[in-house]
Amino acid sequence: MRSRACLAIFFLVASTLAQVPDSSSSKEEELRLAEQGRVEALVNSDVPRLEKLLGDDLTYTHSTGIKESKAEFLHRIQSSDLKYESMQHENDVSARLYGDTGVLTGSSRVKVRAQSQTLNLHIRFTEVWVKRSGTWQLVAWQATKIADE
């Protein structure tokens, strides 16, 4: 009888623990959704949406080596000086969480028009996101061209 009671308690505790959401996996999902939203906003030149997703302290370093602040980056998008026509992340995007900071790394194929020149790029990227007031914001982007294979 005692072993049945212990077994019942074990299964009750195990089932309760199984139902507790894994906060790190839900944070990772939120982070990946924020990134998906950022990519959609870039391709659609949705500056108001980007305003919310990009931190005021953003450092955006393009694969060309050009470094921009949030204001500079958004100005170029709004003025159509910079137009992302497509951005397709490849399957290797990894996410690491450190409290309310997330780092995404991976590779992507990007078609962008800058100063009337269309570029088809294959890049590796590193992104740093910080969760502020319940919202993920991108605070750093660094891209590097992948050499032709």
N, C-alpha and C. Protein backbone atom coordinates (compact mmCIF):
# COMPACT_ATOMS: atom_id res chain seq x y z
N MET A 1 0.82 -1.19 0.00
CA MET A 1 0.00 0.00 0.00
C MET A 1 0.87 1.26 0.00
N ARG A 2 1.93 1.20 0.80
CA ARG A 2 2.82 2.35 0.88
C ARG A 2 3.50 2.62 -0.46
N SER A 3 3.90 1.57 -1.18
CA SER A 3 4.55 1.75 -2.47
C SER A 3 3.58 2.32 -3.49
N ARG A 4 2.30 1.94 -3.40
CA ARG A 4 1.30 2.53 -4.31
C ARG A 4 1.13 4.02 -4.05
N ALA A 5 1.14 4.41 -2.81
CA ALA A 5 1.01 5.83 -2.46
C ALA A 5 2.21 6.61 -2.97
N CYS A 6 3.41 6.05 -2.79
CA CYS A 6 4.63 6.71 -3.29
C CYS A 6 4.60 6.82 -4.81
N LEU A 7 4.15 5.75 -5.45
CA LEU A 7 4.06 5.74 -6.91
C LEU A 7 3.04 6.79 -7.39
N ALA A 8 1.91 6.89 -6.70
CA ALA A 8 0.89 7.87 -7.07
C ALA A 8 1.43 9.29 -6.91
N ILE A 9 2.15 9.54 -5.81
CA ILE A 9 2.73 10.86 -5.59
C ILE A 9 3.77 11.16 -6.66
N PHE A 10 4.60 10.18 -7.01
CA PHE A 10 5.60 10.36 -8.05
C PHE A 10 4.95 10.78 -9.36
N PHE A 11 3.91 10.07 -9.79
CA PHE A 11 3.26 10.39 -11.06
C PHE A 11 2.54 11.75 -11.00
N LEU A 12 2.00 12.09 -9.85
CA LEU A 12 1.35 13.39 -9.69
C LEU A 12 2.37 14.52 -9.84
N VAL A 13 3.51 14.39 -9.17
CA VAL A 13 4.56 15.40 -9.27
C VAL A 13 5.13 15.45 -10.69
N ALA A 14 5.36 14.28 -11.29
CA ALA A 14 5.91 14.23 -12.65
C ALA A 14 4.96 14.88 -13.65
N SER A 15 3.68 14.62 -13.53
CA SER A 15 2.73 15.21 -14.48
C SER A 15 2.61 16.72 -14.28
N THR A 16 2.72 17.17 -13.04
CA THR A 16 2.67 18.61 -12.76
C THR A 16 3.89 19.29 -13.36
N LEU A 17 5.07 18.71 -13.17
CA LEU A 17 6.28 19.29 -13.73
C LEU A 17 6.26 19.29 -15.25
N ALA A 18 5.69 18.30 -15.84
CA ALA A 18 5.62 18.21 -17.30
C ALA A 18 4.75 19.33 -17.88
N GLN A 19 3.82 19.86 -17.08
CA GLN A 19 2.92 20.90 -17.57
C GLN A 19 3.46 22.30 -17.35
N VAL A 20 4.53 22.45 -16.55
CA VAL A 20 5.12 23.76 -16.33
C VAL A 20 5.85 24.19 -17.59
N PRO A 21 5.51 25.35 -18.15
CA PRO A 21 6.19 25.76 -19.39
C PRO A 21 7.67 25.99 -19.15
N ASP A 22 8.47 25.60 -20.11
CA ASP A 22 9.91 25.81 -20.05
C ASP A 22 10.18 27.25 -20.45
N SER A 23 10.56 28.07 -19.48
CA SER A 23 10.71 29.50 -19.74
C SER A 23 11.81 29.78 -20.76
N SER A 24 12.87 28.98 -20.78
CA SER A 24 13.92 29.25 -21.76
C SER A 24 13.45 28.92 -23.17
N SER A 25 12.66 27.86 -23.34
CA SER A 25 12.19 27.55 -24.70
C SER A 25 11.14 28.56 -25.14
N SER A 26 10.31 29.08 -24.20
CA SER A 26 9.34 30.10 -24.60
C SER A 26 10.05 31.42 -24.91
N LYS A 27 11.12 31.74 -24.16
CA LYS A 27 11.91 32.93 -24.48
C LYS A 27 12.56 32.79 -25.85
N GLU A 28 13.09 31.60 -26.12
CA GLU A 28 13.71 31.38 -27.43
C GLU A 28 12.69 31.53 -28.54
N GLU A 29 11.50 31.00 -28.35
CA GLU A 29 10.44 31.13 -29.36
C GLU A 29 10.08 32.60 -29.56
N GLU A 30 9.97 33.36 -28.47
CA GLU A 30 9.69 34.80 -28.57
C GLU A 30 10.78 35.51 -29.37
N LEU A 31 12.03 35.14 -29.08
CA LEU A 31 13.17 35.74 -29.77
C LEU A 31 13.12 35.43 -31.26
N ARG A 32 12.86 34.18 -31.59
CA ARG A 32 12.79 33.79 -33.01
C ARG A 32 11.63 34.50 -33.72
N LEU A 33 10.51 34.68 -33.02
CA LEU A 33 9.38 35.41 -33.60
C LEU A 33 9.72 36.89 -33.80
N ALA A 34 10.47 37.47 -32.85
CA ALA A 34 10.90 38.86 -33.02
C ALA A 34 11.78 38.99 -34.25
N GLU A 35 12.69 38.05 -34.44
CA GLU A 35 13.56 38.07 -35.61
C GLU A 35 12.77 37.90 -36.89
N GLN A 36 11.80 37.00 -36.88
CA GLN A 36 10.95 36.83 -38.06
C GLN A 36 10.21 38.13 -38.36
N GLY A 37 9.73 38.81 -37.33
CA GLY A 37 9.05 40.09 -37.51
C GLY A 37 9.99 41.15 -38.07
N ARG A 38 11.23 41.15 -37.61
CA ARG A 38 12.23 42.10 -38.10
C ARG A 38 12.49 41.89 -39.58
N VAL A 39 12.65 40.63 -39.99
CA VAL A 39 12.90 40.33 -41.40
C VAL A 39 11.70 40.76 -42.25
N GLU A 40 10.49 40.46 -41.81
CA GLU A 40 9.29 40.89 -42.54
C GLU A 40 9.23 42.41 -42.65
N ALA A 41 9.53 43.09 -41.55
CA ALA A 41 9.49 44.56 -41.55
C ALA A 41 10.56 45.12 -42.49
N LEU A 42 11.75 44.51 -42.52
CA LEU A 42 12.81 44.96 -43.44
C LEU A 42 12.36 44.85 -44.89
N VAL A 43 11.84 43.69 -45.25
CA VAL A 43 11.44 43.44 -46.63
C VAL A 43 10.27 44.34 -47.04
N ASN A 44 9.41 44.67 -46.08
CA ASN A 44 8.26 45.53 -46.37
C ASN A 44 8.55 47.01 -46.12
N SER A 45 9.78 47.34 -45.77
CA SER A 45 10.16 48.73 -45.44
C SER A 45 9.20 49.33 -44.41
N ASP A 46 8.82 48.52 -43.43
CA ASP A 46 7.88 48.93 -42.39
C ASP A 46 8.64 49.62 -41.25
N VAL A 47 8.90 50.91 -41.43
CA VAL A 47 9.69 51.67 -40.47
C VAL A 47 9.04 51.73 -39.09
N PRO A 48 7.72 51.96 -38.97
CA PRO A 48 7.12 51.98 -37.63
C PRO A 48 7.33 50.67 -36.86
N ARG A 49 7.23 49.55 -37.54
CA ARG A 49 7.46 48.26 -36.89
C ARG A 49 8.93 48.11 -36.51
N LEU A 50 9.82 48.52 -37.40
CA LEU A 50 11.25 48.46 -37.10
C LEU A 50 11.61 49.36 -35.92
N GLU A 51 10.96 50.51 -35.81
CA GLU A 51 11.18 51.43 -34.68
C GLU A 51 11.05 50.69 -33.35
N LYS A 52 10.05 49.80 -33.27
CA LYS A 52 9.78 49.06 -32.04
C LYS A 52 10.75 47.91 -31.83
N LEU A 53 11.18 47.28 -32.92
CA LEU A 53 12.03 46.10 -32.83
C LEU A 53 13.52 46.42 -32.67
N LEU A 54 13.91 47.64 -33.02
CA LEU A 54 15.32 48.04 -32.94
C LEU A 54 15.52 48.92 -31.71
N GLY A 55 16.54 48.58 -30.91
CA GLY A 55 16.86 49.39 -29.74
C GLY A 55 17.43 50.74 -30.15
N ASP A 56 17.19 51.75 -29.33
CA ASP A 56 17.73 53.08 -29.63
C ASP A 56 19.25 53.07 -29.66
N ASP A 57 19.87 52.11 -28.99
CA ASP A 57 21.33 51.99 -28.93
C ASP A 57 21.88 51.01 -29.98
N LEU A 58 21.10 50.75 -31.02
CA LEU A 58 21.49 49.79 -32.06
C LEU A 58 22.80 50.19 -32.75
N THR A 59 23.64 49.19 -32.98
CA THR A 59 24.79 49.30 -33.87
C THR A 59 24.56 48.29 -34.99
N TYR A 60 24.39 48.77 -36.21
CA TYR A 60 24.07 47.92 -37.35
C TYR A 60 25.27 47.96 -38.31
N THR A 61 26.02 46.86 -38.37
CA THR A 61 27.20 46.78 -39.22
C THR A 61 26.89 45.88 -40.41
N HIS A 62 26.87 46.50 -41.57
CA HIS A 62 26.57 45.79 -42.82
C HIS A 62 27.75 44.93 -43.26
N SER A 63 27.50 44.04 -44.20
CA SER A 63 28.56 43.17 -44.73
C SER A 63 29.61 43.96 -45.50
N THR A 64 29.29 45.19 -45.85
CA THR A 64 30.24 46.07 -46.54
C THR A 64 31.18 46.76 -45.56
N GLY A 65 30.90 46.63 -44.27
CA GLY A 65 31.70 47.28 -43.25
C GLY A 65 31.11 48.61 -42.79
N ILE A 66 30.07 49.08 -43.46
CA ILE A 66 29.42 50.33 -43.05
C ILE A 66 28.70 50.10 -41.73
N LYS A 67 28.91 51.01 -40.78
CA LYS A 67 28.28 50.93 -39.46
C LYS A 67 27.29 52.08 -39.32
N GLU A 68 26.09 51.75 -38.87
CA GLU A 68 25.05 52.76 -38.73
C GLU A 68 24.37 52.67 -37.36
N SER A 69 23.84 53.80 -36.94
CA SER A 69 23.00 53.85 -35.75
C SER A 69 21.57 53.49 -36.18
N LYS A 70 20.70 53.37 -35.23
CA LYS A 70 19.29 53.11 -35.53
C LYS A 70 18.73 54.21 -36.42
N ALA A 71 18.98 55.46 -36.04
CA ALA A 71 18.43 56.59 -36.81
C ALA A 71 18.96 56.59 -38.24
N GLU A 72 20.25 56.35 -38.42
CA GLU A 72 20.84 56.33 -39.77
C GLU A 72 20.26 55.19 -40.60
N PHE A 73 20.17 54.01 -40.00
CA PHE A 73 19.65 52.84 -40.69
C PHE A 73 18.20 53.06 -41.13
N LEU A 74 17.36 53.53 -40.21
CA LEU A 74 15.95 53.75 -40.53
C LEU A 74 15.77 54.86 -41.56
N HIS A 75 16.61 55.89 -41.50
CA HIS A 75 16.53 56.96 -42.49
C HIS A 75 16.80 56.42 -43.90
N ARG A 76 17.80 55.55 -44.02
CA ARG A 76 18.12 54.98 -45.34
C ARG A 76 16.98 54.11 -45.86
N ILE A 77 16.31 53.40 -44.97
CA ILE A 77 15.18 52.57 -45.40
C ILE A 77 14.01 53.46 -45.79
N GLN A 78 13.71 54.44 -44.96
CA GLN A 78 12.58 55.33 -45.22
C GLN A 78 12.77 56.12 -46.51
N SER A 79 14.00 56.52 -46.81
CA SER A 79 14.28 57.30 -48.01
C SER A 79 14.41 56.43 -49.26
N SER A 80 14.30 55.11 -49.09
CA SER A 80 14.46 54.13 -50.18
C SER A 80 15.89 54.07 -50.70
N ASP A 81 16.84 54.66 -49.99
CA ASP A 81 18.25 54.54 -50.34
C ASP A 81 18.71 53.10 -50.11
N LEU A 82 18.00 52.41 -49.20
CA LEU A 82 18.30 51.02 -48.87
C LEU A 82 16.99 50.25 -48.90
N LYS A 83 16.90 49.25 -49.78
CA LYS A 83 15.67 48.47 -49.91
C LYS A 83 16.00 46.99 -49.87
N TYR A 84 15.54 46.32 -48.82
CA TYR A 84 15.70 44.86 -48.72
C TYR A 84 14.60 44.23 -49.54
N GLU A 85 14.97 43.56 -50.62
CA GLU A 85 13.97 42.91 -51.47
C GLU A 85 13.64 41.52 -50.96
N SER A 86 14.63 40.85 -50.35
CA SER A 86 14.38 39.55 -49.73
C SER A 86 15.48 39.24 -48.73
N MET A 87 15.13 38.44 -47.74
CA MET A 87 16.10 37.94 -46.77
C MET A 87 15.60 36.57 -46.34
N GLN A 88 16.37 35.55 -46.68
CA GLN A 88 16.00 34.17 -46.35
C GLN A 88 17.06 33.57 -45.46
N HIS A 89 16.73 33.40 -44.17
CA HIS A 89 17.67 32.73 -43.28
C HIS A 89 17.74 31.26 -43.66
N GLU A 90 18.93 30.70 -43.55
CA GLU A 90 19.11 29.27 -43.81
C GLU A 90 18.81 28.51 -42.52
N ASN A 91 18.82 27.21 -42.59
CA ASN A 91 18.40 26.36 -41.47
C ASN A 91 19.36 26.32 -40.29
N ASP A 92 20.48 27.02 -40.40
CA ASP A 92 21.49 26.91 -39.35
C ASP A 92 21.42 28.01 -38.29
N VAL A 93 20.31 28.73 -38.19
CA VAL A 93 20.22 29.81 -37.21
C VAL A 93 20.15 29.21 -35.80
N SER A 94 21.11 29.61 -34.96
CA SER A 94 21.10 29.11 -33.59
C SER A 94 20.79 30.27 -32.65
N ALA A 95 20.17 29.93 -31.53
CA ALA A 95 19.81 30.92 -30.52
C ALA A 95 20.41 30.51 -29.19
N ARG A 96 21.02 31.47 -28.52
CA ARG A 96 21.54 31.25 -27.17
C ARG A 96 20.98 32.35 -26.29
N LEU A 97 20.54 31.96 -25.10
CA LEU A 97 19.95 32.92 -24.17
C LEU A 97 20.83 33.07 -22.94
N TYR A 98 20.96 34.31 -22.50
CA TYR A 98 21.71 34.64 -21.29
C TYR A 98 20.83 35.61 -20.50
N GLY A 99 19.89 35.06 -19.75
CA GLY A 99 18.94 35.91 -19.04
C GLY A 99 18.04 36.62 -20.05
N ASP A 100 18.04 37.96 -19.99
CA ASP A 100 17.23 38.75 -20.91
C ASP A 100 18.02 39.22 -22.13
N THR A 101 19.11 38.51 -22.43
CA THR A 101 19.90 38.78 -23.63
C THR A 101 19.91 37.52 -24.49
N GLY A 102 19.71 37.70 -25.78
CA GLY A 102 19.73 36.58 -26.72
C GLY A 102 20.68 36.86 -27.86
N VAL A 103 21.36 35.82 -28.31
CA VAL A 103 22.29 35.93 -29.43
C VAL A 103 21.84 34.95 -30.51
N LEU A 104 21.60 35.47 -31.70
CA LEU A 104 21.27 34.64 -32.85
C LEU A 104 22.46 34.67 -33.81
N THR A 105 22.84 33.50 -34.31
CA THR A 105 23.88 33.42 -35.33
C THR A 105 23.40 32.50 -36.43
N GLY A 106 23.83 32.78 -37.63
CA GLY A 106 23.42 31.93 -38.74
C GLY A 106 23.88 32.50 -40.07
N SER A 107 23.25 32.02 -41.12
CA SER A 107 23.56 32.52 -42.46
C SER A 107 22.26 32.83 -43.18
N SER A 108 22.37 33.67 -44.17
CA SER A 108 21.17 34.14 -44.87
C SER A 108 21.54 34.52 -46.30
N ARG A 109 20.55 34.45 -47.15
CA ARG A 109 20.68 34.95 -48.53
C ARG A 109 19.84 36.23 -48.59
N VAL A 110 20.49 37.30 -49.01
CA VAL A 110 19.86 38.62 -48.98
C VAL A 110 19.94 39.26 -50.36
N LYS A 111 18.82 39.82 -50.77
CA LYS A 111 18.81 40.63 -51.99
C LYS A 111 18.45 42.04 -51.54
N VAL A 112 19.37 42.96 -51.76
CA VAL A 112 19.19 44.33 -51.28
C VAL A 112 19.59 45.31 -52.37
N ARG A 113 18.86 46.41 -52.43
CA ARG A 113 19.20 47.48 -53.36
C ARG A 113 19.73 48.65 -52.54
N ALA A 114 20.94 49.03 -52.81
CA ALA A 114 21.57 50.14 -52.11
C ALA A 114 22.14 51.10 -53.14
N GLN A 115 21.72 52.36 -53.06
CA GLN A 115 22.20 53.39 -53.99
C GLN A 115 22.09 52.93 -55.45
N SER A 116 20.93 52.45 -55.81
CA SER A 116 20.60 52.02 -57.19
C SER A 116 21.37 50.80 -57.66
N GLN A 117 22.05 50.11 -56.78
CA GLN A 117 22.77 48.88 -57.14
C GLN A 117 22.13 47.71 -56.39
N THR A 118 21.78 46.65 -57.12
CA THR A 118 21.20 45.46 -56.50
C THR A 118 22.31 44.47 -56.17
N LEU A 119 22.30 44.01 -54.93
CA LEU A 119 23.31 43.06 -54.46
C LEU A 119 22.61 41.78 -54.03
N ASN A 120 23.14 40.65 -54.48
CA ASN A 120 22.71 39.34 -54.01
C ASN A 120 23.82 38.82 -53.11
N LEU A 121 23.53 38.74 -51.83
CA LEU A 121 24.57 38.42 -50.84
C LEU A 121 24.28 37.11 -50.14
N HIS A 122 25.34 36.40 -49.83
CA HIS A 122 25.28 35.23 -48.95
C HIS A 122 26.10 35.63 -47.74
N ILE A 123 25.45 35.73 -46.58
CA ILE A 123 26.12 36.29 -45.40
C ILE A 123 26.03 35.37 -44.19
N ARG A 124 26.96 35.57 -43.27
CA ARG A 124 26.86 35.04 -41.92
C ARG A 124 26.54 36.24 -41.04
N PHE A 125 25.72 36.02 -40.03
CA PHE A 125 25.34 37.15 -39.18
C PHE A 125 25.39 36.76 -37.72
N THR A 126 25.57 37.78 -36.91
CA THR A 126 25.44 37.68 -35.46
C THR A 126 24.53 38.82 -35.02
N GLU A 127 23.54 38.49 -34.23
CA GLU A 127 22.60 39.47 -33.71
C GLU A 127 22.59 39.39 -32.20
N VAL A 128 22.49 40.53 -31.54
CA VAL A 128 22.33 40.57 -30.09
C VAL A 128 21.00 41.27 -29.81
N TRP A 129 20.16 40.59 -29.05
CA TRP A 129 18.84 41.10 -28.67
C TRP A 129 18.79 41.24 -27.15
N VAL A 130 18.04 42.24 -26.68
CA VAL A 130 17.82 42.43 -25.25
C VAL A 130 16.32 42.56 -25.03
N LYS A 131 15.84 41.86 -24.01
CA LYS A 131 14.41 41.94 -23.68
C LYS A 131 14.22 43.10 -22.71
N ARG A 132 13.47 44.11 -23.17
CA ARG A 132 13.22 45.32 -22.40
C ARG A 132 11.72 45.53 -22.26
N SER A 133 11.26 45.66 -21.04
CA SER A 133 9.84 45.88 -20.77
C SER A 133 8.97 44.86 -21.50
N GLY A 134 9.45 43.60 -21.51
CA GLY A 134 8.69 42.51 -22.11
C GLY A 134 8.81 42.37 -23.61
N THR A 135 9.62 43.21 -24.25
CA THR A 135 9.75 43.19 -25.71
C THR A 135 11.21 42.99 -26.09
N TRP A 136 11.45 42.09 -27.06
CA TRP A 136 12.80 41.88 -27.57
C TRP A 136 13.16 43.01 -28.51
N GLN A 137 14.37 43.58 -28.33
CA GLN A 137 14.88 44.62 -29.23
C GLN A 137 16.28 44.24 -29.70
N LEU A 138 16.50 44.42 -30.99
CA LEU A 138 17.83 44.19 -31.57
C LEU A 138 18.74 45.36 -31.20
N VAL A 139 19.90 45.05 -30.62
CA VAL A 139 20.85 46.12 -30.24
C VAL A 139 22.16 46.03 -31.03
N ALA A 140 22.40 44.90 -31.69
CA ALA A 140 23.61 44.79 -32.51
C ALA A 140 23.39 43.79 -33.63
N TRP A 141 23.85 44.17 -34.82
CA TRP A 141 23.83 43.32 -36.02
C TRP A 141 25.20 43.42 -36.66
N GLN A 142 25.75 42.27 -37.01
CA GLN A 142 27.04 42.23 -37.70
C GLN A 142 26.92 41.18 -38.80
N ALA A 143 27.21 41.55 -40.03
CA ALA A 143 27.14 40.61 -41.15
C ALA A 143 28.49 40.55 -41.86
N THR A 144 28.81 39.36 -42.34
CA THR A 144 30.03 39.14 -43.10
C THR A 144 29.67 38.34 -44.35
N LYS A 145 30.20 38.75 -45.49
CA LYS A 145 29.95 38.01 -46.73
C LYS A 145 30.61 36.64 -46.64
N ILE A 146 29.92 35.65 -47.16
CA ILE A 146 30.48 34.30 -47.28
C ILE A 146 31.16 34.23 -48.64
N ALA A 147 32.39 33.77 -48.65
CA ALA A 147 33.13 33.65 -49.90
C ALA A 147 32.42 32.72 -50.87
N ASP A 148 32.52 33.03 -52.15
CA ASP A 148 31.92 32.17 -53.18
C ASP A 148 32.48 30.77 -53.06
N GLU A 149 31.58 29.81 -53.16
CA GLU A 149 32.00 28.42 -53.00
C GLU A 149 32.25 27.76 -54.34
